PDB file of N, CA and C in Angstrom:
ATOM      1  N   MET A   1      21.199   0.309  27.278  1.00  0.00           N
ATOM      2  CA  MET A   1      21.884  -0.963  27.151  1.00  0.00           C
ATOM      3  C   MET A   1      23.378  -0.676  27.234  1.00  0.00           C
ATOM      4  N   GLY A   2      24.027  -1.518  27.948  1.00  0.00           N
ATOM      5  CA  GLY A   2      25.442  -1.326  28.168  1.00  0.00           C
ATOM      6  C   GLY A   2      26.287  -1.843  27.020  1.00  0.00           C
ATOM      7  N   LEU A   3      27.585  -1.623  27.160  1.00  0.00           N
ATOM      8  CA  LEU A   3      28.544  -2.048  26.143  1.00  0.00           C
ATOM      9  C   LEU A   3      28.505  -3.563  25.954  1.00  0.00           C
ATOM     10  N   LEU A   4      28.364  -4.290  27.028  1.00  0.00           N
ATOM     11  CA  LEU A   4      28.324  -5.754  26.938  1.00  0.00           C
ATOM     12  C   LEU A   4      27.096  -6.214  26.139  1.00  0.00           C
ATOM     13  N   GLY A   5      25.956  -5.587  26.375  1.00  0.00           N
ATOM     14  CA  GLY A   5      24.740  -5.921  25.635  1.00  0.00           C
ATOM     15  C   GLY A   5      24.890  -5.613  24.157  1.00  0.00           C
ATOM     16  N   GLU A   6      25.506  -4.492  23.844  1.00  0.00           N
ATOM     17  CA  GLU A   6      25.737  -4.122  22.444  1.00  0.00           C
ATOM     18  C   GLU A   6      26.651  -5.140  21.754  1.00  0.00           C
ATOM     19  N   LEU A   7      27.673  -5.616  22.472  1.00  0.00           N
ATOM     20  CA  LEU A   7      28.578  -6.610  21.899  1.00  0.00           C
ATOM     21  C   LEU A   7      27.845  -7.924  21.604  1.00  0.00           C
ATOM     22  N   PHE A   8      26.938  -8.324  22.492  1.00  0.00           N
ATOM     23  CA  PHE A   8      26.179  -9.549  22.254  1.00  0.00           C
ATOM     24  C   PHE A   8      25.220  -9.414  21.065  1.00  0.00           C
ATOM     25  N   LEU A   9      24.693  -8.216  20.869  1.00  0.00           N
ATOM     26  CA  LEU A   9      23.733  -7.999  19.786  1.00  0.00           C
ATOM     27  C   LEU A   9      24.398  -7.671  18.448  1.00  0.00           C
ATOM     28  N   LEU A  10      25.693  -7.433  18.452  1.00  0.00           N
ATOM     29  CA  LEU A  10      26.393  -7.058  17.231  1.00  0.00           C
ATOM     30  C   LEU A  10      26.226  -8.070  16.094  1.00  0.00           C
ATOM     31  N   PRO A  11      26.295  -9.369  16.338  1.00  0.00           N
ATOM     32  CA  PRO A  11      26.092 -10.311  15.225  1.00  0.00           C
ATOM     33  C   PRO A  11      24.696 -10.228  14.589  1.00  0.00           C
ATOM     34  N   ALA A  12      23.721  -9.743  15.341  1.00  0.00           N
ATOM     35  CA  ALA A  12      22.364  -9.641  14.819  1.00  0.00           C
ATOM     36  C   ALA A  12      22.123  -8.319  14.083  1.00  0.00           C
ATOM     37  N   ALA A  13      23.109  -7.438  14.031  1.00  0.00           N
ATOM     38  CA  ALA A  13      22.928  -6.124  13.412  1.00  0.00           C
ATOM     39  C   ALA A  13      22.481  -6.208  11.959  1.00  0.00           C
ATOM     40  N   PRO A  14      23.050  -7.076  11.116  1.00  0.00           N
ATOM     41  CA  PRO A  14      22.559  -7.145   9.729  1.00  0.00           C
ATOM     42  C   PRO A  14      21.091  -7.562   9.640  1.00  0.00           C
ATOM     43  N   VAL A  15      20.679  -8.463  10.504  1.00  0.00           N
ATOM     44  CA  VAL A  15      19.281  -8.902  10.506  1.00  0.00           C
ATOM     45  C   VAL A  15      18.382  -7.766  10.951  1.00  0.00           C
ATOM     46  N   ARG A  16      18.768  -7.074  12.012  1.00  0.00           N
ATOM     47  CA  ARG A  16      17.965  -5.946  12.487  1.00  0.00           C
ATOM     48  C   ARG A  16      17.896  -4.858  11.438  1.00  0.00           C
ATOM     49  N   GLY A  17      18.987  -4.600  10.749  1.00  0.00           N
ATOM     50  CA  GLY A  17      18.998  -3.589   9.686  1.00  0.00           C
ATOM     51  C   GLY A  17      18.105  -3.985   8.524  1.00  0.00           C
ATOM     52  N   THR A  18      18.164  -5.255   8.161  1.00  0.00           N
ATOM     53  CA  THR A  18      17.328  -5.753   7.071  1.00  0.00           C
ATOM     54  C   THR A  18      15.855  -5.641   7.438  1.00  0.00           C
ATOM     55  N   LEU A  19      15.500  -6.014   8.657  1.00  0.00           N
ATOM     56  CA  LEU A  19      14.113  -5.909   9.099  1.00  0.00           C
ATOM     57  C   LEU A  19      13.643  -4.463   9.118  1.00  0.00           C
ATOM     58  N   TRP A  20      14.503  -3.543   9.519  1.00  0.00           N
ATOM     59  CA  TRP A  20      14.144  -2.131   9.523  1.00  0.00           C
ATOM     60  C   TRP A  20      13.868  -1.655   8.091  1.00  0.00           C
ATOM     61  N   VAL A  21      14.735  -2.015   7.155  1.00  0.00           N
ATOM     62  CA  VAL A  21      14.554  -1.612   5.760  1.00  0.00           C
ATOM     63  C   VAL A  21      13.263  -2.207   5.197  1.00  0.00           C
ATOM     64  N   LEU A  22      13.014  -3.477   5.467  1.00  0.00           N
ATOM     65  CA  LEU A  22      11.785  -4.115   4.984  1.00  0.00           C
ATOM     66  C   LEU A  22      10.546  -3.437   5.560  1.00  0.00           C
ATOM     67  N   GLY A  23      10.620  -3.034   6.810  1.00  0.00           N
ATOM     68  CA  GLY A  23       9.506  -2.319   7.428  1.00  0.00           C
ATOM     69  C   GLY A  23       9.247  -0.985   6.751  1.00  0.00           C
ATOM     70  N   ARG A  24      10.320  -0.278   6.414  1.00  0.00           N
ATOM     71  CA  ARG A  24      10.179   1.018   5.739  1.00  0.00           C
ATOM     72  C   ARG A  24       9.609   0.832   4.330  1.00  0.00           C
ATOM     73  N   VAL A  25      10.069  -0.182   3.616  1.00  0.00           N
ATOM     74  CA  VAL A  25       9.569  -0.453   2.261  1.00  0.00           C
ATOM     75  C   VAL A  25       8.084  -0.811   2.317  1.00  0.00           C
ATOM     76  N   ALA A  26       7.693  -1.645   3.268  1.00  0.00           N
ATOM     77  CA  ALA A  26       6.293  -2.033   3.405  1.00  0.00           C
ATOM     78  C   ALA A  26       5.422  -0.826   3.743  1.00  0.00           C
ATOM     79  N   ALA A  27       5.896   0.048   4.615  1.00  0.00           N
ATOM     80  CA  ALA A  27       5.134   1.244   4.978  1.00  0.00           C
ATOM     81  C   ALA A  27       4.940   2.160   3.772  1.00  0.00           C
ATOM     82  N   GLU A  28       5.976   2.327   2.970  1.00  0.00           N
ATOM     83  CA  GLU A  28       5.877   3.177   1.782  1.00  0.00           C
ATOM     84  C   GLU A  28       4.951   2.559   0.740  1.00  0.00           C
ATOM     85  N   ALA A  29       5.023   1.256   0.566  1.00  0.00           N
ATOM     86  CA  ALA A  29       4.131   0.588  -0.388  1.00  0.00           C
ATOM     87  C   ALA A  29       2.675   0.750   0.043  1.00  0.00           C
ATOM     88  N   GLU A  30       2.415   0.619   1.323  1.00  0.00           N
ATOM     89  CA  GLU A  30       1.053   0.798   1.827  1.00  0.00           C
ATOM     90  C   GLU A  30       0.590   2.238   1.647  1.00  0.00           C
ATOM     91  N   ARG A  31       1.475   3.186   1.899  1.00  0.00           N
ATOM     92  CA  ARG A  31       1.117   4.596   1.717  1.00  0.00           C
ATOM     93  C   ARG A  31       0.736   4.863   0.270  1.00  0.00           C
ATOM     94  N   GLN A  32       1.503   4.336  -0.669  1.00  0.00           N
ATOM     95  CA  GLN A  32       1.206   4.545  -2.085  1.00  0.00           C
ATOM     96  C   GLN A  32      -0.062   3.807  -2.498  1.00  0.00           C
ATOM     97  N   TYR A  33      -0.298   2.633  -1.940  1.00  0.00           N
ATOM     98  CA  TYR A  33      -1.478   1.837  -2.279  1.00  0.00           C
ATOM     99  C   TYR A  33      -2.760   2.560  -1.886  1.00  0.00           C
ATOM    100  N   TYR A  34      -2.758   3.218  -0.733  1.00  0.00           N
ATOM    101  CA  TYR A  34      -3.937   3.910  -0.240  1.00  0.00           C
ATOM    102  C   TYR A  34      -3.970   5.390  -0.605  1.00  0.00           C
ATOM    103  N   ASP A  35      -2.994   5.877  -1.352  1.00  0.00           N
ATOM    104  CA  ASP A  35      -2.948   7.286  -1.734  1.00  0.00           C
ATOM    105  C   ASP A  35      -4.191   7.644  -2.541  1.00  0.00           C
ATOM    106  N   PRO A  36      -4.961   8.653  -2.094  1.00  0.00           N
ATOM    107  CA  PRO A  36      -6.196   9.009  -2.792  1.00  0.00           C
ATOM    108  C   PRO A  36      -5.999   9.360  -4.270  1.00  0.00           C
ATOM    109  N   SER A  37      -4.915  10.011  -4.612  1.00  0.00           N
ATOM    110  CA  SER A  37      -4.709  10.376  -6.017  1.00  0.00           C
ATOM    111  C   SER A  37      -4.463   9.126  -6.876  1.00  0.00           C
ATOM    112  N   ALA A  38      -3.791   8.130  -6.324  1.00  0.00           N
ATOM    113  CA  ALA A  38      -3.568   6.880  -7.067  1.00  0.00           C
ATOM    114  C   ALA A  38      -4.885   6.141  -7.271  1.00  0.00           C
ATOM    115  N   VAL A  39      -5.724   6.116  -6.247  1.00  0.00           N
ATOM    116  CA  VAL A  39      -7.016   5.445  -6.356  1.00  0.00           C
ATOM    117  C   VAL A  39      -7.892   6.173  -7.374  1.00  0.00           C
ATOM    118  N   GLN A  40      -7.871   7.494  -7.362  1.00  0.00           N
ATOM    119  CA  GLN A  40      -8.672   8.265  -8.317  1.00  0.00           C
ATOM    120  C   GLN A  40      -8.200   8.023  -9.749  1.00  0.00           C
ATOM    121  N   ARG A  41      -6.892   7.904  -9.943  1.00  0.00           N
ATOM    122  CA  ARG A  41      -6.375   7.585 -11.283  1.00  0.00           C
ATOM    123  C   ARG A  41      -6.874   6.218 -11.737  1.00  0.00           C
ATOM    124  N   GLU A  42      -6.850   5.252 -10.826  1.00  0.00           N
ATOM    125  CA  GLU A  42      -7.331   3.913 -11.174  1.00  0.00           C
ATOM    126  C   GLU A  42      -8.826   3.918 -11.484  1.00  0.00           C
ATOM    127  N   LEU A  43      -9.593   4.729 -10.743  1.00  0.00           N
ATOM    128  CA  LEU A  43     -11.026   4.847 -11.033  1.00  0.00           C
ATOM    129  C   LEU A  43     -11.256   5.431 -12.424  1.00  0.00           C
ATOM    130  N   ALA A  44     -10.466   6.441 -12.780  1.00  0.00           N
ATOM    131  CA  ALA A  44     -10.598   7.046 -14.106  1.00  0.00           C
ATOM    132  C   ALA A  44     -10.255   6.039 -15.201  1.00  0.00           C
ATOM    133  N   LEU A  45      -9.195   5.271 -15.003  1.00  0.00           N
ATOM    134  CA  LEU A  45      -8.823   4.249 -15.983  1.00  0.00           C
ATOM    135  C   LEU A  45      -9.891   3.169 -16.092  1.00  0.00           C
ATOM    136  N   LEU A  46     -10.485   2.817 -14.975  1.00  0.00           N
ATOM    137  CA  LEU A  46     -11.537   1.818 -14.971  1.00  0.00           C
ATOM    138  C   LEU A  46     -12.740   2.309 -15.776  1.00  0.00           C
ATOM    139  N   GLU A  47     -13.092   3.569 -15.596  1.00  0.00           N
ATOM    140  CA  GLU A  47     -14.210   4.139 -16.346  1.00  0.00           C
ATOM    141  C   GLU A  47     -13.902   4.182 -17.847  1.00  0.00           C
ATOM    142  N   GLU A  48     -12.651   4.510 -18.185  1.00  0.00           N
ATOM    143  CA  GLU A  48     -12.250   4.507 -19.595  1.00  0.00           C
ATOM    144  C   GLU A  48     -12.384   3.104 -20.194  1.00  0.00           C
ATOM    145  N   ARG A  49     -11.995   2.091 -19.424  1.00  0.00           N
ATOM    146  CA  ARG A  49     -12.103   0.707 -19.912  1.00  0.00           C
ATOM    147  C   ARG A  49     -13.566   0.308 -20.124  1.00  0.00           C
ATOM    148  N   LEU A  50     -14.458   0.780 -19.241  1.00  0.00           N
ATOM    149  CA  LEU A  50     -15.876   0.492 -19.395  1.00  0.00           C
ATOM    150  C   LEU A  50     -16.410   1.154 -20.668  1.00  0.00           C
ATOM    151  N   GLU A  51     -16.064   2.426 -20.867  1.00  0.00           N
ATOM    152  CA  GLU A  51     -16.539   3.153 -22.038  1.00  0.00           C
ATOM    153  C   GLU A  51     -15.987   2.572 -23.331  1.00  0.00           C
ATOM    154  N   ALA A  52     -14.790   2.008 -23.268  1.00  0.00           N
ATOM    155  CA  ALA A  52     -14.173   1.414 -24.462  1.00  0.00           C
ATOM    156  C   ALA A  52     -14.701   0.001 -24.719  1.00  0.00           C
ATOM    157  N   GLY A  53     -15.502  -0.526 -23.796  1.00  0.00           N
ATOM    158  CA  GLY A  53     -16.055  -1.854 -23.977  1.00  0.00           C
ATOM    159  C   GLY A  53     -15.112  -2.978 -23.587  1.00  0.00           C
ATOM    160  N   GLU A  54     -14.009  -2.654 -22.904  1.00  0.00           N
ATOM    161  CA  GLU A  54     -13.047  -3.679 -22.492  1.00  0.00           C
ATOM    162  C   GLU A  54     -13.561  -4.516 -21.330  1.00  0.00           C
ATOM    163  N   ILE A  55     -14.431  -3.917 -20.509  1.00  0.00           N
ATOM    164  CA  ILE A  55     -15.018  -4.629 -19.375  1.00  0.00           C
ATOM    165  C   ILE A  55     -16.521  -4.386 -19.377  1.00  0.00           C
ATOM    166  N   ASP A  56     -17.264  -5.280 -18.740  1.00  0.00           N
ATOM    167  CA  ASP A  56     -18.715  -5.090 -18.675  1.00  0.00           C
ATOM    168  C   ASP A  56     -19.087  -4.347 -17.389  1.00  0.00           C
ATOM    169  N   GLU A  57     -20.365  -4.059 -17.265  1.00  0.00           N
ATOM    170  CA  GLU A  57     -20.867  -3.279 -16.128  1.00  0.00           C
ATOM    171  C   GLU A  57     -20.633  -3.999 -14.798  1.00  0.00           C
ATOM    172  N   ALA A  58     -20.804  -5.313 -14.779  1.00  0.00           N
ATOM    173  CA  ALA A  58     -20.606  -6.081 -13.542  1.00  0.00           C
ATOM    174  C   ALA A  58     -19.151  -6.009 -13.074  1.00  0.00           C
ATOM    175  N   GLU A  59     -18.219  -6.165 -14.012  1.00  0.00           N
ATOM    176  CA  GLU A  59     -16.791  -6.063 -13.669  1.00  0.00           C
ATOM    177  C   GLU A  59     -16.461  -4.654 -13.190  1.00  0.00           C
ATOM    178  N   PHE A  60     -17.024  -3.664 -13.863  1.00  0.00           N
ATOM    179  CA  PHE A  60     -16.809  -2.276 -13.458  1.00  0.00           C
ATOM    180  C   PHE A  60     -17.292  -2.060 -12.031  1.00  0.00           C
ATOM    181  N   ASP A  61     -18.510  -2.505 -11.728  1.00  0.00           N
ATOM    182  CA  ASP A  61     -19.067  -2.317 -10.387  1.00  0.00           C
ATOM    183  C   ASP A  61     -18.220  -3.005  -9.322  1.00  0.00           C
ATOM    184  N   ARG A  62     -17.790  -4.232  -9.615  1.00  0.00           N
ATOM    185  CA  ARG A  62     -16.973  -4.971  -8.643  1.00  0.00           C
ATOM    186  C   ARG A  62     -15.662  -4.252  -8.360  1.00  0.00           C
ATOM    187  N   ARG A  63     -14.979  -3.854  -9.419  1.00  0.00           N
ATOM    188  CA  ARG A  63     -13.674  -3.192  -9.245  1.00  0.00           C
ATOM    189  C   ARG A  63     -13.834  -1.798  -8.652  1.00  0.00           C
ATOM    190  N   GLU A  64     -14.911  -1.109  -9.019  1.00  0.00           N
ATOM    191  CA  GLU A  64     -15.160   0.220  -8.448  1.00  0.00           C
ATOM    192  C   GLU A  64     -15.368   0.112  -6.942  1.00  0.00           C
ATOM    193  N   ASP A  65     -16.138  -0.891  -6.506  1.00  0.00           N
ATOM    194  CA  ASP A  65     -16.345  -1.098  -5.073  1.00  0.00           C
ATOM    195  C   ASP A  65     -15.030  -1.352  -4.351  1.00  0.00           C
ATOM    196  N   GLU A  66     -14.156  -2.156  -4.957  1.00  0.00           N
ATOM    197  CA  GLU A  66     -12.850  -2.434  -4.355  1.00  0.00           C
ATOM    198  C   GLU A  66     -12.034  -1.150  -4.216  1.00  0.00           C
ATOM    199  N   LEU A  67     -12.035  -0.336  -5.249  1.00  0.00           N
ATOM    200  CA  LEU A  67     -11.263   0.916  -5.211  1.00  0.00           C
ATOM    201  C   LEU A  67     -11.854   1.891  -4.193  1.00  0.00           C
ATOM    202  N   LEU A  68     -13.165   1.972  -4.118  1.00  0.00           N
ATOM    203  CA  LEU A  68     -13.786   2.871  -3.146  1.00  0.00           C
ATOM    204  C   LEU A  68     -13.532   2.395  -1.717  1.00  0.00           C
ATOM    205  N   ASP A  69     -13.528   1.082  -1.506  1.00  0.00           N
ATOM    206  CA  ASP A  69     -13.165   0.550  -0.185  1.00  0.00           C
ATOM    207  C   ASP A  69     -11.727   0.926   0.161  1.00  0.00           C
ATOM    208  N   ARG A  70     -10.853   0.786  -0.806  1.00  0.00           N
ATOM    209  CA  ARG A  70      -9.449   1.137  -0.597  1.00  0.00           C
ATOM    210  C   ARG A  70      -9.305   2.615  -0.272  1.00  0.00           C
ATOM    211  N   LEU A  71     -10.068   3.450  -0.970  1.00  0.00           N
ATOM    212  CA  LEU A  71     -10.034   4.887  -0.718  1.00  0.00           C
ATOM    213  C   LEU A  71     -10.531   5.200   0.692  1.00  0.00           C
ATOM    214  N   GLU A  72     -11.591   4.500   1.103  1.00  0.00           N
ATOM    215  CA  GLU A  72     -12.138   4.721   2.438  1.00  0.00           C
ATOM    216  C   GLU A  72     -11.165   4.287   3.519  1.00  0.00           C
ATOM    217  N   LYS A  73     -10.489   3.144   3.326  1.00  0.00           N
ATOM    218  CA  LYS A  73      -9.536   2.656   4.325  1.00  0.00           C
ATOM    219  C   LYS A  73      -8.321   3.563   4.428  1.00  0.00           C
ATOM    220  N   GLY A  74      -7.960   4.209   3.334  1.00  0.00           N
ATOM    221  CA  GLY A  74      -6.785   5.062   3.338  1.00  0.00           C
ATOM    222  C   GLY A  74      -7.038   6.437   3.893  1.00  0.00           C
ATOM    223  N   THR A  75      -8.315   6.802   4.065  1.00  0.00           N
ATOM    224  CA  THR A  75      -8.649   8.116   4.598  1.00  0.00           C
ATOM    225  C   THR A  75      -8.586   8.075   6.119  1.00  0.00           C
ATOM    226  N   PRO A  76      -7.761   8.963   6.699  1.00  0.00           N
ATOM    227  CA  PRO A  76      -7.663   8.967   8.163  1.00  0.00           C
ATOM    228  C   PRO A  76      -8.993   9.405   8.786  1.00  0.00           C
ATOM    229  N   SER A  77      -9.415   8.711   9.833  1.00  0.00           N
ATOM    230  CA  SER A  77     -10.667   9.078  10.499  1.00  0.00           C
ATOM    231  C   SER A  77     -10.408  10.245  11.445  1.00  0.00           C
ATOM    232  N   THR A  78     -11.415  11.097  11.584  1.00  0.00           N
ATOM    233  CA  THR A  78     -11.258  12.268  12.449  1.00  0.00           C
ATOM    234  C   THR A  78     -12.037  12.129  13.719  1.00  0.00           C
TER     235      THR A  78
END
């Protein structure tokens, strides 16, 4: 892109920068959401809540399925 094109796009630079930052934040949040160690920690906490009687078996099964799905989606396929 030439100098003239850069001059025309200059007013949009803050918007482009903001969109880039938002994209990076979203990517990092997704990486942390699907991180296997985070999911395993949540599974352990869920099991502790079941053993403590804070949740029933049906709630445990539902949430466990959600966490296992999340773990599966976060695992790269080979």
